[in-house]
């Protein structure tokens, strides 16, 4: 098993960020995170709504 140092891992990640495909992947990940956060907030806050009985 090959040991990869943190510096080598960051250098590899920085090199991958220069590829055009990774920009699209980052956009997709950010959109999914934002949509997930909005849905989670909606589900959590929905339970605190006042019920008009």
PDB file of N, CA and C in Angstrom:
ATOM      1  N   UNK A   1       0.852  -1.181   0.000  1.00  0.00           N
ATOM      2  CA  UNK A   1       0.000   0.000   0.000  1.00  0.00           C
ATOM      3  C   UNK A   1       0.893   1.238   0.000  1.00  0.00           C
ATOM      4  N   UNK A   2       0.594   2.147  -0.882  1.00  0.00           N
ATOM      5  CA  UNK A   2       1.411   3.339  -1.045  1.00  0.00           C
ATOM      6  C   UNK A   2       0.963   4.423  -0.061  1.00  0.00           C
ATOM      7  N   UNK A   3       1.944   5.041   0.577  1.00  0.00           N
ATOM      8  CA  UNK A   3       1.645   6.122   1.515  1.00  0.00           C
ATOM      9  C   UNK A   3       1.730   7.453   0.777  1.00  0.00           C
ATOM     10  N   UNK A   4       0.658   8.239   0.827  1.00  0.00           N
ATOM     11  CA  UNK A   4       0.627   9.547   0.172  1.00  0.00           C
ATOM     12  C   UNK A   4       0.581  10.619   1.250  1.00  0.00           C
ATOM     13  N   UNK A   5       1.538  11.533   1.200  1.00  0.00           N
ATOM     14  CA  UNK A   5       1.557  12.602   2.201  1.00  0.00           C
ATOM     15  C   UNK A   5       0.454  13.609   1.901  1.00  0.00           C
ATOM     16  N   UNK A   6       0.131  14.402   2.886  1.00  0.00           N
ATOM     17  CA  UNK A   6      -0.918  15.409   2.724  1.00  0.00           C
ATOM     18  C   UNK A   6      -0.521  16.433   1.664  1.00  0.00           C
ATOM     19  N   UNK A   7       0.756  16.792   1.633  1.00  0.00           N
ATOM     20  CA  UNK A   7       1.210  17.774   0.642  1.00  0.00           C
ATOM     21  C   UNK A   7       1.045  17.227  -0.772  1.00  0.00           C
ATOM     22  N   UNK A   8       1.359  15.954  -0.961  1.00  0.00           N
ATOM     23  CA  UNK A   8       1.208  15.349  -2.284  1.00  0.00           C
ATOM     24  C   UNK A   8      -0.268  15.262  -2.654  1.00  0.00           C
ATOM     25  N   UNK A   9      -1.102  14.964  -1.679  1.00  0.00           N
ATOM     26  CA  UNK A   9      -2.544  14.868  -1.958  1.00  0.00           C
ATOM     27  C   UNK A   9      -3.101  16.225  -2.377  1.00  0.00           C
ATOM     28  N   UNK A  10      -2.699  17.286  -1.663  1.00  0.00           N
ATOM     29  CA  UNK A  10      -3.170  18.628  -2.015  1.00  0.00           C
ATOM     30  C   UNK A  10      -2.643  19.058  -3.383  1.00  0.00           C
ATOM     31  N   UNK A  11      -1.398  18.713  -3.680  1.00  0.00           N
ATOM     32  CA  UNK A  11      -0.833  19.062  -4.981  1.00  0.00           C
ATOM     33  C   UNK A  11      -1.581  18.347  -6.101  1.00  0.00           C
ATOM     34  N   UNK A  12      -1.930  17.095  -5.871  1.00  0.00           N
ATOM     35  CA  UNK A  12      -2.694  16.349  -6.870  1.00  0.00           C
ATOM     36  C   UNK A  12      -4.091  16.936  -7.034  1.00  0.00           C
ATOM     37  N   UNK A  13      -4.715  17.317  -5.931  1.00  0.00           N
ATOM     38  CA  UNK A  13      -6.050  17.919  -6.002  1.00  0.00           C
ATOM     39  C   UNK A  13      -6.002  19.266  -6.705  1.00  0.00           C
ATOM     40  N   UNK A  14      -4.961  20.044  -6.464  1.00  0.00           N
ATOM     41  CA  UNK A  14      -4.825  21.339  -7.128  1.00  0.00           C
ATOM     42  C   UNK A  14      -4.594  21.146  -8.621  1.00  0.00           C
ATOM     43  N   UNK A  15      -3.840  20.134  -8.990  1.00  0.00           N
ATOM     44  CA  UNK A  15      -3.618  19.843 -10.399  1.00  0.00           C
ATOM     45  C   UNK A  15      -4.893  19.385 -11.077  1.00  0.00           C
ATOM     46  N   UNK A  16      -5.717  18.639 -10.374  1.00  0.00           N
ATOM     47  CA  UNK A  16      -6.988  18.176 -10.937  1.00  0.00           C
ATOM     48  C   UNK A  16      -7.956  19.336 -11.095  1.00  0.00           C
ATOM     49  N   UNK A  17      -7.817  20.357 -10.264  1.00  0.00           N
ATOM     50  CA  UNK A  17      -8.721  21.500 -10.351  1.00  0.00           C
ATOM     51  C   UNK A  17      -8.492  22.311 -11.622  1.00  0.00           C
ATOM     52  N   UNK A  18      -7.330  22.137 -12.246  1.00  0.00           N
ATOM     53  CA  UNK A  18      -7.044  22.866 -13.474  1.00  0.00           C
ATOM     54  C   UNK A  18      -7.714  22.227 -14.685  1.00  0.00           C
ATOM     55  N   UNK A  19      -8.160  20.991 -14.546  1.00  0.00           N
ATOM     56  CA  UNK A  19      -8.835  20.321 -15.657  1.00  0.00           C
ATOM     57  C   UNK A  19     -10.242  20.883 -15.808  1.00  0.00           C
ATOM     58  N   UNK A  20     -10.734  21.039 -17.045  1.00  0.00           N
ATOM     59  CA  UNK A  20     -12.057  21.631 -17.255  1.00  0.00           C
ATOM     60  C   UNK A  20     -13.195  20.786 -16.701  1.00  0.00           C
ATOM     61  N   UNK A  21     -13.022  19.478 -16.652  1.00  0.00           N
ATOM     62  CA  UNK A  21     -14.106  18.606 -16.187  1.00  0.00           C
ATOM     63  C   UNK A  21     -14.363  18.812 -14.700  1.00  0.00           C
ATOM     64  N   UNK A  22     -13.319  19.041 -13.920  1.00  0.00           N
ATOM     65  CA  UNK A  22     -13.499  19.183 -12.478  1.00  0.00           C
ATOM     66  C   UNK A  22     -14.282  20.447 -12.132  1.00  0.00           C
ATOM     67  N   UNK A  23     -14.256  21.464 -12.988  1.00  0.00           N
ATOM     68  CA  UNK A  23     -15.052  22.663 -12.742  1.00  0.00           C
ATOM     69  C   UNK A  23     -16.529  22.355 -12.790  1.00  0.00           C
ATOM     70  N   UNK A  24     -16.924  21.518 -13.751  1.00  0.00           N
ATOM     71  CA  UNK A  24     -18.330  21.104 -13.837  1.00  0.00           C
ATOM     72  C   UNK A  24     -18.712  20.259 -12.635  1.00  0.00           C
ATOM     73  N   UNK A  25     -17.816  19.396 -12.204  1.00  0.00           N
ATOM     74  CA  UNK A  25     -18.091  18.556 -11.040  1.00  0.00           C
ATOM     75  C   UNK A  25     -18.274  19.417  -9.796  1.00  0.00           C
ATOM     76  N   UNK A  26     -17.421  20.421  -9.634  1.00  0.00           N
ATOM     77  CA  UNK A  26     -17.534  21.315  -8.478  1.00  0.00           C
ATOM     78  C   UNK A  26     -18.858  22.070  -8.504  1.00  0.00           C
ATOM     79  N   UNK A  27     -19.269  22.530  -9.687  1.00  0.00           N
ATOM     80  CA  UNK A  27     -20.562  23.214  -9.813  1.00  0.00           C
ATOM     81  C   UNK A  27     -21.706  22.295  -9.395  1.00  0.00           C
ATOM     82  N   UNK A  28     -21.675  21.060  -9.858  1.00  0.00           N
ATOM     83  CA  UNK A  28     -22.738  20.106  -9.528  1.00  0.00           C
ATOM     84  C   UNK A  28     -22.765  19.833  -8.030  1.00  0.00           C
ATOM     85  N   UNK A  29     -21.584  19.638  -7.441  1.00  0.00           N
ATOM     86  CA  UNK A  29     -21.516  19.369  -5.998  1.00  0.00           C
ATOM     87  C   UNK A  29     -22.057  20.555  -5.211  1.00  0.00           C
ATOM     88  N   UNK A  30     -21.697  21.772  -5.595  1.00  0.00           N
ATOM     89  CA  UNK A  30     -22.187  22.958  -4.884  1.00  0.00           C
ATOM     90  C   UNK A  30     -23.699  23.103  -5.012  1.00  0.00           C
ATOM     91  N   UNK A  31     -24.238  22.831  -6.192  1.00  0.00           N
ATOM     92  CA  UNK A  31     -25.695  22.919  -6.380  1.00  0.00           C
ATOM     93  C   UNK A  31     -26.402  21.886  -5.522  1.00  0.00           C
ATOM     94  N   UNK A  32     -25.872  20.669  -5.480  1.00  0.00           N
ATOM     95  CA  UNK A  32     -26.495  19.616  -4.671  1.00  0.00           C
ATOM     96  C   UNK A  32     -26.435  19.967  -3.188  1.00  0.00           C
ATOM     97  N   UNK A  33     -25.329  20.551  -2.737  1.00  0.00           N
ATOM     98  CA  UNK A  33     -25.199  20.944  -1.328  1.00  0.00           C
ATOM     99  C   UNK A  33     -26.199  22.035  -0.981  1.00  0.00           C
ATOM    100  N   UNK A  34     -26.339  23.040  -1.849  1.00  0.00           N
ATOM    101  CA  UNK A  34     -27.273  24.140  -1.578  1.00  0.00           C
ATOM    102  C   UNK A  34     -28.707  23.641  -1.570  1.00  0.00           C
ATOM    103  N   UNK A  35     -29.072  22.822  -2.561  1.00  0.00           N
ATOM    104  CA  UNK A  35     -30.437  22.279  -2.617  1.00  0.00           C
ATOM    105  C   UNK A  35     -30.700  21.398  -1.402  1.00  0.00           C
ATOM    106  N   UNK A  36     -29.726  20.597  -1.017  1.00  0.00           N
ATOM    107  CA  UNK A  36     -29.880  19.752   0.167  1.00  0.00           C
ATOM    108  C   UNK A  36     -30.060  20.565   1.440  1.00  0.00           C
ATOM    109  N   UNK A  37     -29.302  21.662   1.566  1.00  0.00           N
ATOM    110  CA  UNK A  37     -29.433  22.514   2.750  1.00  0.00           C
ATOM    111  C   UNK A  37     -30.801  23.180   2.795  1.00  0.00           C
ATOM    112  N   UNK A  38     -31.301  23.625   1.645  1.00  0.00           N
ATOM    113  CA  UNK A  38     -32.624  24.257   1.592  1.00  0.00           C
ATOM    114  C   UNK A  38     -33.701  23.244   1.959  1.00  0.00           C
ATOM    115  N   UNK A  39     -33.620  22.039   1.408  1.00  0.00           N
ATOM    116  CA  UNK A  39     -34.620  21.014   1.734  1.00  0.00           C
ATOM    117  C   UNK A  39     -34.556  20.605   3.201  1.00  0.00           C
ATOM    118  N   UNK A  40     -33.359  20.500   3.744  1.00  0.00           N
ATOM    119  CA  UNK A  40     -33.222  20.151   5.163  1.00  0.00           C
ATOM    120  C   UNK A  40     -33.807  21.247   6.045  1.00  0.00           C
ATOM    121  N   UNK A  41     -33.519  22.504   5.732  1.00  0.00           N
ATOM    122  CA  UNK A  41     -34.083  23.613   6.510  1.00  0.00           C
ATOM    123  C   UNK A  41     -35.598  23.618   6.405  1.00  0.00           C
ATOM    124  N   UNK A  42     -36.123  23.379   5.213  1.00  0.00           N
ATOM    125  CA  UNK A  42     -37.579  23.361   5.030  1.00  0.00           C
ATOM    126  C   UNK A  42     -38.214  22.237   5.851  1.00  0.00           C
ATOM    127  N   UNK A  43     -37.604  21.051   5.812  1.00  0.00           N
ATOM    128  CA  UNK A  43     -38.159  19.932   6.575  1.00  0.00           C
ATOM    129  C   UNK A  43     -38.097  20.189   8.079  1.00  0.00           C
ATOM    130  N   UNK A  44     -37.005  20.769   8.550  1.00  0.00           N
ATOM    131  CA  UNK A  44     -36.879  21.028   9.985  1.00  0.00           C
ATOM    132  C   UNK A  44     -37.805  22.147  10.444  1.00  0.00           C
ATOM    133  N   UNK A  45     -37.867  23.224   9.672  1.00  0.00           N
ATOM    134  CA  UNK A  45     -38.684  24.369  10.079  1.00  0.00           C
ATOM    135  C   UNK A  45     -40.173  24.113   9.890  1.00  0.00           C
ATOM    136  N   UNK A  46     -40.525  23.182   9.039  1.00  0.00           N
ATOM    137  CA  UNK A  46     -41.931  22.840   8.797  1.00  0.00           C
ATOM    138  C   UNK A  46     -42.600  22.336  10.077  1.00  0.00           C
ATOM    139  N   UNK A  47     -41.839  21.648  10.909  1.00  0.00           N
ATOM    140  CA  UNK A  47     -42.393  21.119  12.153  1.00  0.00           C
ATOM    141  C   UNK A  47     -42.677  22.183  13.192  1.00  0.00           C
ATOM    142  N   UNK A  48     -42.105  23.368  13.063  1.00  0.00           N
ATOM    143  CA  UNK A  48     -42.298  24.438  14.040  1.00  0.00           C
ATOM    144  C   UNK A  48     -43.429  25.388  13.657  1.00  0.00           C
ATOM    145  N   UNK A  49     -44.104  25.080  12.570  1.00  0.00           N
ATOM    146  CA  UNK A  49     -45.192  25.951  12.118  1.00  0.00           C
ATOM    147  C   UNK A  49     -46.342  25.912  13.120  1.00  0.00           C
ATOM    148  N   UNK A  50     -46.997  27.039  13.343  1.00  0.00           N
ATOM    149  CA  UNK A  50     -48.153  27.099  14.246  1.00  0.00           C
ATOM    150  C   UNK A  50     -49.354  26.450  13.552  1.00  0.00           C
ATOM    151  N   UNK A  51     -50.026  25.597  14.271  1.00  0.00           N
ATOM    152  CA  UNK A  51     -51.221  24.958  13.713  1.00  0.00           C
ATOM    153  C   UNK A  51     -52.451  25.761  14.139  1.00  0.00           C
ATOM    154  N   UNK A  52     -53.301  26.115  13.160  1.00  0.00           N
ATOM    155  CA  UNK A  52     -54.527  26.862  13.445  1.00  0.00           C
ATOM    156  C   UNK A  52     -55.691  25.873  13.607  1.00  0.00           C
ATOM    157  N   UNK A  53     -55.912  25.426  14.814  1.00  0.00           N
ATOM    158  CA  UNK A  53     -57.017  24.479  15.066  1.00  0.00           C
ATOM    159  C   UNK A  53     -58.243  25.209  15.507  1.00  0.00           C
TER     160      UNK A  53
END
